[in-house]
N, C-alpha and C. Protein backbone atom coordinates (compact mmCIF):
# COMPACT_ATOMS: atom_id res chain seq x y z
N MET A 1 0.84 -1.22 -0.11
CA MET A 1 -0.09 -0.13 0.01
C MET A 1 0.86 1.29 0.08
N GLN A 2 0.52 2.50 -1.06
CA GLN A 2 1.36 3.30 -0.79
C GLN A 2 0.86 4.32 0.00
N LYS A 3 2.26 4.93 0.46
CA LYS A 3 1.57 6.00 1.82
C LYS A 3 1.29 7.10 1.01
N ASN A 4 0.54 8.13 1.79
CA ASN A 4 0.29 9.49 1.43
C ASN A 4 1.83 10.12 1.94
N LYS A 5 2.08 11.03 1.12
CA LYS A 5 3.03 12.21 0.93
C LYS A 5 2.66 13.47 1.49
N VAL A 6 3.29 14.23 2.56
CA VAL A 6 2.75 15.64 2.79
C VAL A 6 4.24 16.43 2.53
N TYR A 7 3.60 17.50 1.92
CA TYR A 7 4.85 18.94 1.89
C TYR A 7 4.47 19.83 2.65
N ILE A 8 5.13 20.33 3.55
CA ILE A 8 4.80 21.80 4.24
C ILE A 8 5.94 22.82 3.96
N GLU A 9 5.39 23.78 3.54
CA GLU A 9 6.44 25.25 3.70
C GLU A 9 5.79 26.03 4.56
N THR A 10 7.06 26.66 5.65
CA THR A 10 6.72 27.09 6.53
C THR A 10 6.99 28.63 6.55
N TYR A 11 6.41 29.81 6.83
CA TYR A 11 6.56 31.04 6.69
C TYR A 11 6.43 31.70 7.89
N GLY A 12 7.28 32.77 8.44
CA GLY A 12 6.87 33.52 9.51
C GLY A 12 8.06 33.18 10.59
N CYS A 13 7.40 33.12 11.57
CA CYS A 13 7.95 32.93 13.27
C CYS A 13 8.44 31.77 13.51
N GLN A 14 8.85 31.61 14.75
CA GLN A 14 9.15 30.71 15.16
C GLN A 14 8.33 29.70 15.69
N MET A 15 7.12 30.36 16.21
CA MET A 15 5.87 29.37 16.53
C MET A 15 5.50 28.57 15.26
N ASN A 16 5.60 29.19 14.24
CA ASN A 16 5.22 28.49 13.08
C ASN A 16 5.87 27.32 12.83
N LEU A 17 7.53 27.61 12.86
CA LEU A 17 8.35 26.13 12.67
C LEU A 17 7.81 25.12 13.74
N ALA A 18 7.68 25.83 15.12
CA ALA A 18 7.43 24.56 15.99
C ALA A 18 5.97 23.85 15.74
N ASP A 19 5.05 24.97 15.26
CA ASP A 19 3.82 24.16 14.63
C ASP A 19 3.90 23.35 13.12
N THR A 20 4.70 23.51 12.78
CA THR A 20 5.01 22.42 11.51
C THR A 20 5.46 21.30 11.77
N GLU A 21 6.37 21.13 12.81
CA GLU A 21 7.03 19.95 13.43
C GLU A 21 5.87 19.32 13.96
N ILE A 22 4.72 19.73 14.65
CA ILE A 22 4.06 19.05 15.61
C ILE A 22 2.85 18.61 14.34
N ILE A 23 2.80 19.53 13.40
CA ILE A 23 1.74 18.64 12.11
C ILE A 23 2.33 17.77 11.60
N PHE A 24 3.53 17.91 11.15
CA PHE A 24 4.70 16.40 10.63
C PHE A 24 4.37 15.49 11.39
N GLY A 25 4.48 15.45 12.93
CA GLY A 25 4.46 14.38 13.65
C GLY A 25 3.01 13.70 13.60
N ILE A 26 1.61 14.59 13.87
CA ILE A 26 0.34 14.20 13.52
C ILE A 26 0.26 13.47 12.44
N LEU A 27 0.82 14.05 11.14
CA LEU A 27 0.32 13.49 10.18
C LEU A 27 1.21 12.12 9.95
N GLN A 28 2.47 12.14 10.44
CA GLN A 28 3.08 10.70 10.38
C GLN A 28 2.58 9.74 10.77
N ASN A 29 1.78 10.10 12.11
CA ASN A 29 1.42 8.87 13.13
C ASN A 29 0.22 8.24 12.44
N ASN A 30 -0.19 9.30 10.95
CA ASN A 30 -1.50 8.97 10.53
C ASN A 30 -1.25 8.28 9.03
N GLY A 31 -0.09 7.83 8.85
CA GLY A 31 0.59 7.15 7.91
C GLY A 31 1.12 8.39 6.57
N TYR A 32 1.52 9.48 7.04
CA TYR A 32 1.55 10.30 5.96
C TYR A 32 3.54 10.05 6.02
N THR A 33 4.26 10.49 4.72
CA THR A 33 5.45 10.30 4.61
C THR A 33 5.94 11.62 4.54
N ILE A 34 7.13 12.20 4.66
CA ILE A 34 7.46 13.57 4.13
C ILE A 34 7.95 13.63 2.90
N SER A 35 7.34 14.57 2.03
CA SER A 35 7.83 14.75 0.58
C SER A 35 8.81 15.97 0.69
N LYS A 36 9.94 15.77 -0.26
CA LYS A 36 11.01 16.85 -0.27
C LYS A 36 10.39 17.78 -1.25
N ASP A 37 9.26 17.73 -2.00
CA ASP A 37 8.93 18.65 -2.93
C ASP A 37 7.31 18.60 -3.21
N ALA A 38 6.85 19.79 -3.43
CA ALA A 38 5.51 19.90 -3.85
C ALA A 38 4.85 18.79 -5.11
N GLU A 39 5.77 18.81 -5.75
CA GLU A 39 4.99 18.03 -6.82
C GLU A 39 5.06 16.62 -6.79
N SER A 40 5.70 15.94 -5.82
CA SER A 40 5.18 14.73 -5.41
C SER A 40 4.86 14.19 -4.12
N ALA A 41 4.07 15.09 -3.58
CA ALA A 41 3.10 15.38 -2.69
C ALA A 41 1.73 15.01 -2.73
N ASP A 42 1.15 14.23 -1.95
CA ASP A 42 -0.31 14.09 -1.83
C ASP A 42 -1.12 15.44 -1.33
N LEU A 43 -0.40 15.93 -0.30
CA LEU A 43 -0.87 16.79 0.38
C LEU A 43 0.12 17.97 0.72
N VAL A 44 -0.48 19.22 0.28
CA VAL A 44 0.55 20.50 0.33
C VAL A 44 -0.18 21.36 1.47
N LEU A 45 0.73 21.63 2.30
CA LEU A 45 0.50 22.69 3.24
C LEU A 45 1.18 24.05 3.67
N LEU A 46 0.58 25.12 3.41
CA LEU A 46 1.49 26.42 3.65
C LEU A 46 1.42 26.80 4.93
N ASN A 47 2.06 26.95 5.99
CA ASN A 47 1.95 27.31 7.23
C ASN A 47 2.50 28.79 7.38
N THR A 48 1.47 29.63 7.26
CA THR A 48 1.56 31.34 7.14
C THR A 48 1.70 32.17 8.53
N CYS A 49 2.27 33.28 7.92
CA CYS A 49 2.31 34.30 8.84
C CYS A 49 2.04 35.64 8.06
N SER A 50 1.21 36.49 8.44
CA SER A 50 0.93 37.47 7.70
C SER A 50 0.92 38.81 8.19
N ILE A 51 2.30 38.74 9.11
CA ILE A 51 2.66 40.12 9.93
C ILE A 51 2.96 41.36 9.15
N ARG A 52 3.82 40.89 7.95
CA ARG A 52 4.00 41.67 6.99
C ARG A 52 3.38 41.61 5.35
N ASP A 53 2.88 42.80 4.95
CA ASP A 53 2.39 42.82 3.91
C ASP A 53 3.35 42.05 2.81
N ASN A 54 4.39 42.25 2.83
CA ASN A 54 5.42 41.54 2.00
C ASN A 54 5.36 40.09 1.97
N ALA A 55 5.22 39.24 3.33
CA ALA A 55 4.69 38.12 3.43
C ALA A 55 3.89 37.43 2.85
N GLU A 56 2.60 38.39 3.06
CA GLU A 56 1.42 38.00 2.23
C GLU A 56 1.57 38.03 0.54
N GLN A 57 2.13 38.83 0.15
CA GLN A 57 2.29 38.68 -1.32
C GLN A 57 3.15 37.48 -1.72
N ARG A 58 4.28 37.31 -1.07
CA ARG A 58 4.91 36.17 -1.50
C ARG A 58 4.35 34.65 -1.56
N ILE A 59 3.33 34.78 -0.11
CA ILE A 59 2.38 33.60 -0.04
C ILE A 59 1.75 33.51 -1.40
N TYR A 60 0.78 34.76 -1.58
CA TYR A 60 -0.15 34.55 -2.41
C TYR A 60 0.79 34.24 -4.14
N GLY A 61 1.57 34.72 -4.21
CA GLY A 61 2.43 34.36 -5.55
C GLY A 61 2.50 32.81 -5.39
N ARG A 62 3.01 32.09 -4.32
CA ARG A 62 3.25 30.76 -4.12
C ARG A 62 1.97 30.02 -4.37
N LEU A 63 0.85 30.62 -3.85
CA LEU A 63 -0.42 29.91 -3.92
C LEU A 63 -0.60 29.84 -5.65
N GLY A 64 -0.51 31.07 -6.29
CA GLY A 64 -0.74 30.77 -7.70
C GLY A 64 0.21 29.63 -8.31
N ASN A 65 1.01 29.73 -7.99
CA ASN A 65 2.18 28.34 -8.41
C ASN A 65 1.38 27.03 -8.11
N LEU A 66 1.15 26.93 -6.95
CA LEU A 66 0.50 25.80 -6.25
C LEU A 66 -0.64 25.33 -7.07
N LYS A 67 -1.80 26.37 -7.16
CA LYS A 67 -2.77 26.34 -8.08
C LYS A 67 -2.66 25.67 -9.39
N ASN A 68 -1.77 25.98 -10.03
CA ASN A 68 -1.49 25.29 -11.33
C ASN A 68 -0.97 24.07 -11.22
N LEU A 69 -0.16 23.79 -10.19
CA LEU A 69 0.02 22.11 -10.03
C LEU A 69 -1.22 21.52 -9.50
N LYS A 70 -2.05 22.22 -8.67
CA LYS A 70 -3.23 21.16 -8.58
C LYS A 70 -3.96 21.23 -9.86
N GLU A 71 -4.13 21.91 -10.46
CA GLU A 71 -4.81 21.53 -11.98
C GLU A 71 -4.32 20.67 -12.54
N SER A 72 -3.09 20.34 -12.40
CA SER A 72 -2.46 19.20 -13.52
C SER A 72 -2.32 17.77 -12.27
N LYS A 73 -2.80 18.21 -11.22
CA LYS A 73 -2.88 16.98 -10.40
C LYS A 73 -3.81 17.06 -9.35
N PRO A 74 -5.38 17.04 -10.00
CA PRO A 74 -6.60 17.47 -9.06
C PRO A 74 -6.55 16.74 -7.92
N GLU A 75 -5.78 15.20 -7.61
CA GLU A 75 -6.42 14.58 -6.37
C GLU A 75 -5.38 15.25 -5.38
N MET A 76 -4.44 16.31 -5.71
CA MET A 76 -3.77 16.48 -4.63
C MET A 76 -4.51 17.87 -3.38
N ILE A 77 -4.36 17.79 -2.48
CA ILE A 77 -5.09 18.50 -1.57
C ILE A 77 -3.94 19.64 -1.31
N LEU A 78 -4.61 20.88 -1.18
CA LEU A 78 -3.70 22.23 -1.25
C LEU A 78 -4.48 22.76 0.14
N GLY A 79 -3.73 23.39 1.33
CA GLY A 79 -4.36 23.42 2.40
C GLY A 79 -3.28 24.63 2.91
N ILE A 80 -4.27 25.90 3.72
CA ILE A 80 -3.01 26.78 4.15
C ILE A 80 -3.37 26.89 5.84
N LEU A 81 -2.66 27.25 6.40
CA LEU A 81 -2.67 27.33 7.74
C LEU A 81 -2.01 28.38 8.28
N GLY A 82 -2.21 28.74 9.72
CA GLY A 82 -1.66 30.14 10.22
C GLY A 82 -2.59 31.03 10.24
N CYS A 83 -1.85 32.09 10.71
CA CYS A 83 -2.73 33.66 10.97
C CYS A 83 -3.05 34.29 9.56
N MET A 84 -2.54 33.93 8.51
CA MET A 84 -3.10 34.19 7.08
C MET A 84 -4.48 33.51 6.70
N ALA A 85 -4.36 32.57 6.81
CA ALA A 85 -5.57 31.72 6.50
C ALA A 85 -6.78 31.99 7.66
N GLU A 86 -6.28 32.19 8.75
CA GLU A 86 -7.37 32.86 9.69
C GLU A 86 -8.27 34.08 9.03
N ARG A 87 -7.05 35.16 8.94
CA ARG A 87 -7.49 36.39 8.56
C ARG A 87 -7.88 36.88 7.26
N LEU A 88 -7.75 35.74 6.15
CA LEU A 88 -8.15 35.91 4.90
C LEU A 88 -8.91 34.93 4.46
N ARG A 89 -9.56 34.25 5.07
CA ARG A 89 -10.26 32.92 4.55
C ARG A 89 -11.44 33.48 3.68
N THR A 90 -12.02 34.25 3.67
CA THR A 90 -12.65 34.76 2.69
C THR A 90 -12.56 34.49 1.72
N ASP A 91 -11.23 35.37 1.30
CA ASP A 91 -10.68 35.67 0.27
C ASP A 91 -9.89 34.60 -0.42
N LEU A 92 -9.10 33.75 0.33
CA LEU A 92 -8.49 32.55 -0.11
C LEU A 92 -9.48 31.42 -0.72
N VAL A 93 -10.67 31.23 0.07
CA VAL A 93 -11.48 30.10 -0.37
C VAL A 93 -12.72 30.67 -0.90
N ASP A 94 -13.15 31.55 -0.66
CA ASP A 94 -14.57 32.05 -1.61
C ASP A 94 -14.40 32.92 -2.35
N LYS A 95 -13.51 33.76 -2.72
CA LYS A 95 -13.34 34.75 -3.58
C LYS A 95 -12.55 34.30 -4.60
N ARG A 96 -11.02 33.99 -4.14
CA ARG A 96 -10.20 33.46 -5.09
C ARG A 96 -10.29 32.06 -5.47
N LYS A 97 -10.75 31.13 -4.40
CA LYS A 97 -10.63 29.61 -4.90
C LYS A 97 -9.33 28.95 -5.04
N ILE A 98 -8.57 29.39 -4.00
CA ILE A 98 -7.42 28.88 -4.27
C ILE A 98 -7.15 27.56 -3.18
N VAL A 99 -7.52 27.66 -2.19
CA VAL A 99 -7.42 26.42 -1.44
C VAL A 99 -8.96 25.81 -1.12
């Protein structure tokens, strides 16, 4: 049986780095293995920070790239975590339909 692969990119503060480690642990306990790149992953997560506008713009740019990957790989799950996800949920999910 093939295991699901997860890829996580982390942006921002030390707390996000710690959260990413926790997320990896939970997913590994549920059968996921860590992927070295988004292209080979079944689940791609961006753990975000939106303290600075520049960080948000970088994340929006990355989401645009990943949206193209998802279109070519529709079974892939693309998710966003962290404070940007909380603050901009309506824009990300309902308006832009990125995740």
